[in-house]
Amino acid sequence: MIILDNKNLKCENLNGSYSELATILGVEAVLKIHSKYRGTQIFFPVELSSKDFIRAQIIDEFNNGSSVRELAAKYGYTEKWVRKILKEKNENDLKGG
């Protein structure tokens, strides 16, 4: 492994995706990512948030007055899927879960 003088390292001195990430996050953050994950293939899912988080957000926002239509548009799901989430929540509440 090559030891570099990191204080002179700039985004344009980094290889491929590291350069792009450094432009967004800064060189120091990329050095940490490189140290932890170098040589590892990393996949970034299209969806940033977990489905459990989205479900909780939908339930919370519905309980605070948002409509099914608004929530479907906001989160990029169908109204049918939003209604299913709300129905499952109500069924779990009835079962005591």
N, C-alpha and C. Protein backbone atom coordinates (compact mmCIF):
# COMPACT_ATOMS: atom_id res chain seq x y z
N MET A 1 0.84 -1.18 0.00
CA MET A 1 0.00 0.00 0.00
C MET A 1 0.89 1.24 0.00
N ILE A 2 0.50 2.24 -0.76
CA ILE A 2 1.23 3.49 -0.86
C ILE A 2 0.73 4.45 0.21
N ILE A 3 1.64 5.06 0.94
CA ILE A 3 1.29 6.07 1.94
C ILE A 3 1.40 7.44 1.26
N LEU A 4 0.33 8.20 1.26
CA LEU A 4 0.31 9.50 0.61
C LEU A 4 0.30 10.62 1.64
N ASP A 5 0.79 11.77 1.24
CA ASP A 5 0.68 12.97 2.05
C ASP A 5 -0.71 13.54 1.82
N ASN A 6 -1.64 13.22 2.70
CA ASN A 6 -3.05 13.53 2.49
C ASN A 6 -3.37 15.02 2.48
N LYS A 7 -2.52 15.85 3.08
CA LYS A 7 -2.85 17.28 3.11
C LYS A 7 -2.73 17.93 1.73
N ASN A 8 -2.01 17.32 0.81
CA ASN A 8 -1.90 17.85 -0.56
C ASN A 8 -2.83 17.14 -1.53
N LEU A 9 -3.60 16.18 -1.05
CA LEU A 9 -4.49 15.40 -1.91
C LEU A 9 -5.74 16.20 -2.25
N LYS A 10 -6.08 16.24 -3.54
CA LYS A 10 -7.27 16.97 -4.00
C LYS A 10 -8.18 16.00 -4.75
N CYS A 11 -9.42 16.41 -4.94
CA CYS A 11 -10.41 15.58 -5.62
C CYS A 11 -9.89 15.06 -6.95
N GLU A 12 -9.28 15.94 -7.72
CA GLU A 12 -8.83 15.56 -9.07
C GLU A 12 -7.67 14.58 -9.04
N ASN A 13 -7.04 14.38 -7.87
CA ASN A 13 -5.95 13.42 -7.76
C ASN A 13 -6.43 12.02 -7.45
N LEU A 14 -7.72 11.87 -7.21
CA LEU A 14 -8.27 10.57 -6.83
C LEU A 14 -8.76 9.81 -8.05
N ASN A 15 -8.82 8.51 -7.91
CA ASN A 15 -9.16 7.59 -9.00
C ASN A 15 -10.68 7.43 -9.13
N GLY A 16 -11.19 7.56 -10.35
CA GLY A 16 -12.58 7.22 -10.69
C GLY A 16 -13.64 7.73 -9.75
N SER A 17 -14.39 6.82 -9.19
CA SER A 17 -15.51 7.16 -8.30
C SER A 17 -15.05 7.88 -7.05
N TYR A 18 -13.82 7.62 -6.63
CA TYR A 18 -13.31 8.33 -5.45
C TYR A 18 -13.26 9.83 -5.70
N SER A 19 -12.90 10.22 -6.90
CA SER A 19 -12.86 11.64 -7.26
C SER A 19 -14.26 12.25 -7.21
N GLU A 20 -15.22 11.52 -7.76
CA GLU A 20 -16.61 12.00 -7.75
C GLU A 20 -17.13 12.13 -6.32
N LEU A 21 -16.86 11.13 -5.50
CA LEU A 21 -17.31 11.18 -4.11
C LEU A 21 -16.64 12.32 -3.36
N ALA A 22 -15.35 12.54 -3.61
CA ALA A 22 -14.62 13.60 -2.93
C ALA A 22 -15.19 14.97 -3.30
N THR A 23 -15.65 15.12 -4.52
CA THR A 23 -16.27 16.38 -4.94
C THR A 23 -17.53 16.64 -4.14
N ILE A 24 -18.26 15.59 -3.83
CA ILE A 24 -19.51 15.72 -3.08
C ILE A 24 -19.27 15.78 -1.57
N LEU A 25 -18.43 14.87 -1.06
CA LEU A 25 -18.28 14.68 0.38
C LEU A 25 -17.02 15.31 0.98
N GLY A 26 -16.04 15.56 0.14
CA GLY A 26 -14.76 16.04 0.63
C GLY A 26 -13.75 14.90 0.68
N VAL A 27 -12.49 15.26 0.57
CA VAL A 27 -11.41 14.27 0.51
C VAL A 27 -11.31 13.48 1.81
N GLU A 28 -11.45 14.13 2.96
CA GLU A 28 -11.33 13.43 4.25
C GLU A 28 -12.36 12.31 4.37
N ALA A 29 -13.60 12.58 3.97
CA ALA A 29 -14.65 11.56 4.05
C ALA A 29 -14.31 10.39 3.12
N VAL A 30 -13.80 10.69 1.94
CA VAL A 30 -13.46 9.64 0.98
C VAL A 30 -12.30 8.80 1.49
N LEU A 31 -11.35 9.43 2.17
CA LEU A 31 -10.25 8.67 2.76
C LEU A 31 -10.76 7.67 3.80
N LYS A 32 -11.76 8.07 4.57
CA LYS A 32 -12.37 7.15 5.55
C LYS A 32 -13.10 6.01 4.85
N ILE A 33 -13.83 6.34 3.80
CA ILE A 33 -14.54 5.31 3.03
C ILE A 33 -13.54 4.34 2.42
N HIS A 34 -12.48 4.87 1.84
CA HIS A 34 -11.45 4.04 1.23
C HIS A 34 -10.80 3.13 2.26
N SER A 35 -10.50 3.67 3.41
CA SER A 35 -9.85 2.88 4.46
C SER A 35 -10.73 1.71 4.91
N LYS A 36 -12.01 1.95 5.01
CA LYS A 36 -12.93 0.91 5.50
C LYS A 36 -13.35 -0.07 4.41
N TYR A 37 -13.56 0.40 3.17
CA TYR A 37 -14.20 -0.42 2.14
C TYR A 37 -13.36 -0.71 0.91
N ARG A 38 -12.11 -0.29 0.87
CA ARG A 38 -11.32 -0.48 -0.36
C ARG A 38 -11.33 -1.94 -0.80
N GLY A 39 -11.50 -2.12 -2.10
CA GLY A 39 -11.56 -3.46 -2.68
C GLY A 39 -12.92 -4.12 -2.60
N THR A 40 -13.86 -3.50 -1.92
CA THR A 40 -15.20 -4.05 -1.75
C THR A 40 -16.14 -3.42 -2.75
N GLN A 41 -16.98 -4.24 -3.38
CA GLN A 41 -18.01 -3.68 -4.26
C GLN A 41 -19.17 -3.24 -3.39
N ILE A 42 -19.61 -2.02 -3.60
CA ILE A 42 -20.71 -1.46 -2.82
C ILE A 42 -21.85 -1.16 -3.77
N PHE A 43 -23.05 -1.55 -3.36
CA PHE A 43 -24.27 -1.32 -4.13
C PHE A 43 -25.10 -0.28 -3.39
N PHE A 44 -25.51 0.76 -4.09
CA PHE A 44 -26.38 1.77 -3.52
C PHE A 44 -27.79 1.55 -4.06
N PRO A 45 -28.72 1.06 -3.21
CA PRO A 45 -30.09 0.85 -3.67
C PRO A 45 -30.72 2.15 -4.15
N VAL A 46 -31.68 2.04 -5.03
CA VAL A 46 -32.39 3.22 -5.53
C VAL A 46 -33.11 3.91 -4.37
N GLU A 47 -33.74 3.12 -3.52
CA GLU A 47 -34.46 3.67 -2.38
C GLU A 47 -33.49 3.94 -1.24
N LEU A 48 -33.46 5.16 -0.75
CA LEU A 48 -32.57 5.53 0.35
C LEU A 48 -33.09 5.01 1.68
N SER A 49 -34.38 5.16 1.91
CA SER A 49 -34.99 4.79 3.18
C SER A 49 -35.51 3.36 3.16
N SER A 50 -35.53 2.73 4.34
CA SER A 50 -36.08 1.38 4.44
C SER A 50 -37.59 1.42 4.30
N LYS A 51 -38.16 0.30 3.90
CA LYS A 51 -39.62 0.22 3.77
C LYS A 51 -40.30 0.42 5.12
N ASP A 52 -39.67 -0.08 6.19
CA ASP A 52 -40.24 0.11 7.54
C ASP A 52 -40.33 1.60 7.88
N PHE A 53 -39.31 2.36 7.53
CA PHE A 53 -39.32 3.80 7.79
C PHE A 53 -40.43 4.47 6.98
N ILE A 54 -40.53 4.11 5.70
CA ILE A 54 -41.56 4.70 4.84
C ILE A 54 -42.95 4.36 5.37
N ARG A 55 -43.14 3.11 5.78
CA ARG A 55 -44.44 2.71 6.35
C ARG A 55 -44.78 3.58 7.56
N ALA A 56 -43.82 3.76 8.45
CA ALA A 56 -44.04 4.55 9.66
C ALA A 56 -44.36 6.00 9.30
N GLN A 57 -43.66 6.54 8.30
CA GLN A 57 -43.92 7.91 7.86
C GLN A 57 -45.34 8.05 7.29
N ILE A 58 -45.72 7.08 6.47
CA ILE A 58 -47.06 7.11 5.87
C ILE A 58 -48.13 7.07 6.95
N ILE A 59 -47.97 6.17 7.90
CA ILE A 59 -48.95 6.05 8.99
C ILE A 59 -49.02 7.34 9.80
N ASP A 60 -47.86 7.88 10.14
CA ASP A 60 -47.80 9.10 10.94
C ASP A 60 -48.43 10.27 10.19
N GLU A 61 -48.08 10.43 8.92
CA GLU A 61 -48.61 11.55 8.14
C GLU A 61 -50.10 11.40 7.86
N PHE A 62 -50.56 10.16 7.69
CA PHE A 62 -51.99 9.92 7.50
C PHE A 62 -52.74 10.31 8.77
N ASN A 63 -52.18 9.91 9.92
CA ASN A 63 -52.80 10.25 11.21
C ASN A 63 -52.78 11.76 11.47
N ASN A 64 -51.90 12.48 10.80
CA ASN A 64 -51.81 13.94 10.96
C ASN A 64 -52.53 14.69 9.85
N GLY A 65 -53.37 13.98 9.08
CA GLY A 65 -54.24 14.65 8.14
C GLY A 65 -53.91 14.54 6.66
N SER A 66 -52.81 13.91 6.31
CA SER A 66 -52.49 13.75 4.88
C SER A 66 -53.42 12.70 4.27
N SER A 67 -53.76 12.91 3.01
CA SER A 67 -54.65 11.96 2.33
C SER A 67 -53.83 10.83 1.71
N VAL A 68 -54.52 9.76 1.37
CA VAL A 68 -53.90 8.63 0.70
C VAL A 68 -53.28 9.10 -0.62
N ARG A 69 -53.99 9.92 -1.35
CA ARG A 69 -53.50 10.42 -2.63
C ARG A 69 -52.21 11.23 -2.45
N GLU A 70 -52.19 12.11 -1.47
CA GLU A 70 -51.00 12.92 -1.20
C GLU A 70 -49.80 12.04 -0.83
N LEU A 71 -50.04 11.05 0.01
CA LEU A 71 -48.95 10.17 0.46
C LEU A 71 -48.42 9.32 -0.68
N ALA A 72 -49.31 8.84 -1.52
CA ALA A 72 -48.88 8.04 -2.68
C ALA A 72 -47.99 8.88 -3.59
N ALA A 73 -48.40 10.10 -3.85
CA ALA A 73 -47.61 10.98 -4.71
C ALA A 73 -46.28 11.33 -4.07
N LYS A 74 -46.31 11.64 -2.79
CA LYS A 74 -45.10 12.05 -2.08
C LYS A 74 -44.04 10.95 -2.07
N TYR A 75 -44.46 9.72 -1.82
CA TYR A 75 -43.51 8.62 -1.66
C TYR A 75 -43.33 7.77 -2.91
N GLY A 76 -44.06 8.10 -3.97
CA GLY A 76 -43.88 7.39 -5.24
C GLY A 76 -44.47 5.99 -5.26
N TYR A 77 -45.52 5.77 -4.48
CA TYR A 77 -46.20 4.49 -4.46
C TYR A 77 -47.61 4.67 -4.98
N THR A 78 -48.30 3.56 -5.20
CA THR A 78 -49.69 3.64 -5.63
C THR A 78 -50.58 3.89 -4.42
N GLU A 79 -51.75 4.42 -4.70
CA GLU A 79 -52.73 4.62 -3.62
C GLU A 79 -53.11 3.27 -3.01
N LYS A 80 -53.17 2.24 -3.85
CA LYS A 80 -53.49 0.89 -3.38
C LYS A 80 -52.46 0.44 -2.34
N TRP A 81 -51.17 0.68 -2.61
CA TRP A 81 -50.12 0.26 -1.67
C TRP A 81 -50.24 1.03 -0.37
N VAL A 82 -50.52 2.34 -0.44
CA VAL A 82 -50.68 3.15 0.77
C VAL A 82 -51.86 2.64 1.60
N ARG A 83 -52.97 2.35 0.93
CA ARG A 83 -54.14 1.81 1.65
C ARG A 83 -53.80 0.47 2.32
N LYS A 84 -53.01 -0.34 1.64
CA LYS A 84 -52.60 -1.63 2.20
C LYS A 84 -51.79 -1.42 3.48
N ILE A 85 -50.89 -0.48 3.48
CA ILE A 85 -50.09 -0.17 4.67
C ILE A 85 -50.99 0.27 5.81
N LEU A 86 -51.93 1.13 5.51
CA LEU A 86 -52.85 1.63 6.55
C LEU A 86 -53.75 0.51 7.06
N LYS A 87 -54.20 -0.37 6.18
CA LYS A 87 -55.04 -1.50 6.57
C LYS A 87 -54.26 -2.45 7.48
N GLU A 88 -53.01 -2.76 7.11
CA GLU A 88 -52.17 -3.64 7.95
C GLU A 88 -51.96 -3.03 9.32
N LYS A 89 -51.77 -1.73 9.38
CA LYS A 89 -51.58 -1.04 10.67
C LYS A 89 -52.84 -1.20 11.52
N ASN A 90 -54.00 -0.98 10.91
CA ASN A 90 -55.26 -1.11 11.65
C ASN A 90 -55.50 -2.53 12.12
N GLU A 91 -55.17 -3.52 11.29
CA GLU A 91 -55.33 -4.92 11.67
C GLU A 91 -54.40 -5.27 12.83
N ASN A 92 -53.18 -4.77 12.80
CA ASN A 92 -52.23 -5.02 13.89
C ASN A 92 -52.70 -4.35 15.17
N ASP A 93 -53.28 -3.16 15.06
CA ASP A 93 -53.80 -2.47 16.24
C ASP A 93 -54.94 -3.26 16.88
N LEU A 94 -55.80 -3.84 16.03
CA LEU A 94 -56.92 -4.63 16.54
C LEU A 94 -56.45 -5.90 17.25
N LYS A 95 -55.33 -6.47 16.75
CA LYS A 95 -54.78 -7.68 17.36
C LYS A 95 -53.96 -7.38 18.61
N GLY A 96 -53.74 -6.10 18.84
CA GLY A 96 -52.94 -5.72 20.01
C GLY A 96 -51.45 -5.68 19.74
N GLY A 97 -51.06 -5.63 18.45
CA GLY A 97 -49.64 -5.65 18.08
C GLY A 97 -49.21 -4.37 17.64
